[in-house]
Amino acid sequence: MMSKSELRKYFSHLRNSIKNEERKRIDKLIIDKVINSDFFDACDTVLIYVSVGSEIDTKDFISHLFSVGKKVAVPYCSNNRMDFYEISSFDDLIDFQFGIPTVDINHAKKAIITKNTLCFVPAYAFDENGYRLGYGGGYYDKFLAENSVRSVGLCRKSFFINSLPREQHDIKVEIIVTEEKVINIS
């Protein structure tokens, strides 16, 4: 099996090679599955990354969250720690941190985590056990280990594989959504 570093390069290349129109079509199918799910109906707060590059596009989904009145919070990383801060529009986002739009924490409220909070976890790929190939910082693993939230992975089916290498600190997600199905990880 390839190392995590080699797999990141492989999946990054694969993700970037998907034509833009095809990516948009697949991503819309994935987001539609989320919007029509019971777990989404039950949530009140959504912790979500703002997509960049060839990641699954979360921007239309975030707009939908605003329109249906869900609380939306985006990650802010500092001192090897990640927290989420609420936004009420894209205007609340500021210049990039680690290449990702973020919030000015001096003007944002820290998200309150409840039993009805959903956390969308980014990744290059997910496996059948709910483990992911993340970006290597460990931020989400630490956050999930410290917070009781329902975790969801958005994944194009070609990036949903049998098994990924994992380390002791890796935390699996509870739900994976592809363009074909919603997978509840036991």
Protein backbone atom coordinates (compact mmCIF):
# COMPACT_ATOMS: atom_id res chain seq x y z
CA MET A 1 0.00 0.00 0.00
CA MET A 2 1.21 3.52 -0.79
CA SER A 3 2.08 5.92 2.02
CA LYS A 4 -0.32 8.71 2.97
CA SER A 5 1.98 11.20 1.28
CA GLU A 6 2.02 9.21 -1.97
CA LEU A 7 -1.76 8.76 -1.80
CA ARG A 8 -2.27 12.51 -1.32
CA LYS A 9 -0.31 13.19 -4.50
CA TYR A 10 -2.21 10.48 -6.38
CA PHE A 11 -5.67 11.63 -5.28
CA SER A 12 -4.80 15.30 -5.76
CA HIS A 13 -3.81 14.58 -9.35
CA LEU A 14 -6.92 12.43 -9.88
CA ARG A 15 -9.19 15.10 -8.38
CA ASN A 16 -7.64 17.85 -10.49
CA SER A 17 -8.04 15.77 -13.65
CA ILE A 18 -11.86 15.67 -13.44
CA LYS A 19 -13.38 18.10 -15.92
CA ASN A 20 -15.03 21.11 -14.28
CA GLU A 21 -18.52 20.35 -15.68
CA GLU A 22 -18.33 16.76 -14.43
CA ARG A 23 -17.17 17.90 -10.98
CA LYS A 24 -20.09 20.35 -10.74
CA ARG A 25 -22.59 17.66 -11.78
CA ILE A 26 -21.27 15.12 -9.25
CA ASP A 27 -20.97 17.66 -6.45
CA LYS A 28 -24.57 18.78 -6.93
CA LEU A 29 -25.76 15.16 -6.65
CA ILE A 30 -23.79 14.74 -3.41
CA ILE A 31 -25.11 17.95 -1.87
CA ASP A 32 -28.68 17.08 -2.92
CA LYS A 33 -28.35 13.75 -1.06
CA VAL A 34 -27.24 15.65 2.06
CA ILE A 35 -30.09 18.19 1.83
CA ASN A 36 -32.66 15.40 1.47
CA SER A 37 -31.32 13.33 4.39
CA ASP A 38 -32.78 12.82 7.85
CA PHE A 39 -29.48 13.68 9.51
CA PHE A 40 -29.50 17.08 7.79
CA ASP A 41 -33.11 17.77 8.80
CA ALA A 42 -32.22 17.06 12.43
CA CYS A 43 -29.24 19.41 12.64
CA ASP A 44 -29.31 23.00 13.84
CA THR A 45 -25.66 23.95 13.37
CA VAL A 46 -23.37 23.00 10.49
CA LEU A 47 -19.59 23.12 10.81
CA ILE A 48 -18.27 23.25 7.28
CA TYR A 49 -15.14 24.03 5.33
CA VAL A 50 -15.27 26.53 2.49
CA SER A 51 -14.11 24.57 -0.54
CA VAL A 52 -11.16 25.60 -2.66
CA GLY A 53 -9.79 24.25 -5.92
CA SER A 54 -11.08 20.83 -6.92
CA GLU A 55 -12.55 19.93 -3.51
CA ILE A 56 -16.23 19.04 -3.46
CA ASP A 57 -17.88 22.42 -3.86
CA THR A 58 -19.47 23.52 -0.59
CA LYS A 59 -20.28 27.12 -1.57
CA ASP A 60 -23.78 26.47 -2.97
CA PHE A 61 -24.49 24.25 0.03
CA ILE A 62 -23.41 27.03 2.40
CA SER A 63 -25.75 29.43 0.55
CA HIS A 64 -28.54 26.89 1.04
CA LEU A 65 -27.72 26.68 4.76
CA PHE A 66 -28.10 30.45 5.06
CA SER A 67 -31.43 30.35 3.19
CA VAL A 68 -32.97 27.65 5.43
CA GLY A 69 -31.81 29.24 8.67
CA LYS A 70 -29.18 26.76 9.81
CA LYS A 71 -26.30 28.16 11.86
CA VAL A 72 -23.13 28.00 9.79
CA ALA A 73 -19.62 27.92 11.22
CA VAL A 74 -16.29 27.64 9.42
CA PRO A 75 -12.91 26.50 10.74
CA TYR A 76 -10.19 28.73 12.10
CA CYS A 77 -6.79 27.16 12.80
CA SER A 78 -4.23 28.59 15.18
CA ASN A 79 -1.56 27.16 17.50
CA ASN A 80 -2.09 23.61 16.21
CA ARG A 81 -5.80 23.81 17.10
CA MET A 82 -8.99 24.22 15.11
CA ASP A 83 -12.19 25.87 16.28
CA PHE A 84 -15.31 26.89 14.37
CA TYR A 85 -16.76 30.39 14.19
CA GLU A 86 -20.21 31.39 12.97
CA ILE A 87 -20.77 33.29 9.75
CA SER A 88 -24.04 34.71 8.44
CA SER A 89 -22.85 35.41 4.89
CA PHE A 90 -19.83 35.01 2.67
CA ASP A 91 -19.03 38.64 3.49
CA ASP A 92 -17.91 37.40 6.91
CA LEU A 93 -14.98 35.55 5.33
CA ILE A 94 -11.55 37.16 5.17
CA ASP A 95 -8.26 36.50 3.39
CA PHE A 96 -6.93 33.00 3.28
CA GLN A 97 -5.38 30.94 6.05
CA PHE A 98 -3.59 27.81 4.82
CA GLY A 99 -5.15 28.58 1.42
CA ILE A 100 -8.66 28.40 2.90
CA PRO A 101 -11.11 31.28 3.42
CA THR A 102 -11.57 31.87 7.13
CA VAL A 103 -13.12 34.29 9.62
CA ASP A 104 -11.84 37.20 11.62
CA ILE A 105 -12.22 35.70 15.08
CA ASN A 106 -12.20 39.19 16.58
CA HIS A 107 -15.58 39.80 14.93
CA ALA A 108 -17.11 36.32 15.00
CA LYS A 109 -18.84 34.22 17.61
CA LYS A 110 -17.40 30.81 18.43
CA ALA A 111 -19.83 28.05 17.45
CA ILE A 112 -21.71 26.32 20.23
CA ILE A 113 -21.54 22.55 19.79
CA THR A 114 -24.76 20.66 20.53
CA LYS A 115 -25.98 17.12 19.96
CA ASN A 116 -27.59 18.44 16.76
CA THR A 117 -24.34 19.75 15.26
CA LEU A 118 -23.04 18.32 11.99
CA CYS A 119 -19.37 18.59 11.08
CA PHE A 120 -18.41 18.18 7.42
CA VAL A 121 -14.88 16.83 7.21
CA PRO A 122 -12.75 17.43 4.09
CA ALA A 123 -10.56 14.72 2.59
CA TYR A 124 -8.88 13.47 -0.53
CA ALA A 125 -10.55 10.05 -0.08
CA PHE A 126 -12.57 7.94 2.36
CA ASP A 127 -12.58 4.21 2.96
CA GLU A 128 -15.35 1.73 3.76
CA ASN A 129 -14.59 1.98 7.49
CA GLY A 130 -15.10 5.75 7.57
CA TYR A 131 -11.43 6.68 7.72
CA ARG A 132 -10.16 9.46 5.53
CA LEU A 133 -7.06 10.63 3.80
CA GLY A 134 -6.92 14.22 5.02
CA TYR A 135 -4.45 16.97 4.30
CA GLY A 136 -1.96 15.94 6.95
CA GLY A 137 -2.42 18.53 9.68
CA GLY A 138 -4.48 16.41 12.05
CA TYR A 139 -6.77 19.35 12.84
CA TYR A 140 -10.03 17.50 12.20
CA ASP A 141 -8.90 14.37 14.05
CA LYS A 142 -8.11 16.48 17.13
CA PHE A 143 -11.38 18.39 16.84
CA LEU A 144 -13.47 15.22 16.47
CA ALA A 145 -11.67 13.56 19.38
CA GLU A 146 -12.53 16.52 21.63
CA ASN A 147 -16.09 17.28 20.46
CA SER A 148 -19.20 15.16 20.29
CA VAL A 149 -20.61 15.99 16.84
CA ARG A 150 -21.96 13.94 13.97
CA SER A 151 -19.23 13.84 11.34
CA VAL A 152 -19.93 13.66 7.63
CA GLY A 153 -17.61 13.10 4.70
CA LEU A 154 -18.51 14.28 1.20
CA CYS A 155 -16.91 11.94 -1.31
CA ARG A 156 -17.06 11.39 -5.05
CA LYS A 157 -17.55 7.63 -5.57
CA SER A 158 -14.21 7.25 -7.35
CA PHE A 159 -12.54 8.44 -4.11
CA PHE A 160 -14.41 5.96 -1.90
CA ILE A 161 -12.07 2.99 -1.62
CA ASN A 162 -11.74 -0.27 0.32
CA SER A 163 -9.02 0.73 2.74
CA LEU A 164 -6.66 3.56 3.58
CA PRO A 165 -3.56 3.55 5.77
CA ARG A 166 -4.33 4.93 9.20
CA GLU A 167 -2.63 5.88 12.39
CA GLN A 168 -3.73 5.54 15.99
CA HIS A 169 -4.92 9.16 16.23
CA ASP A 170 -7.10 8.98 13.08
CA ILE A 171 -10.82 9.43 13.75
CA LYS A 172 -13.39 8.02 11.35
CA VAL A 173 -16.47 9.87 10.17
CA GLU A 174 -19.95 8.58 10.95
CA ILE A 175 -21.55 9.23 7.57
CA ILE A 176 -20.16 9.31 4.03
CA VAL A 177 -22.20 10.77 1.18
CA THR A 178 -21.37 9.99 -2.45
CA GLU A 179 -23.30 10.87 -5.57
CA GLU A 180 -24.89 7.40 -5.39
CA LYS A 181 -25.67 6.84 -1.70
CA VAL A 182 -25.50 7.77 1.95
CA ILE A 183 -23.33 5.35 3.92
CA ASN A 184 -23.79 5.10 7.67
CA ILE A 185 -20.59 3.78 9.23
CA SER A 186 -21.27 1.40 12.13
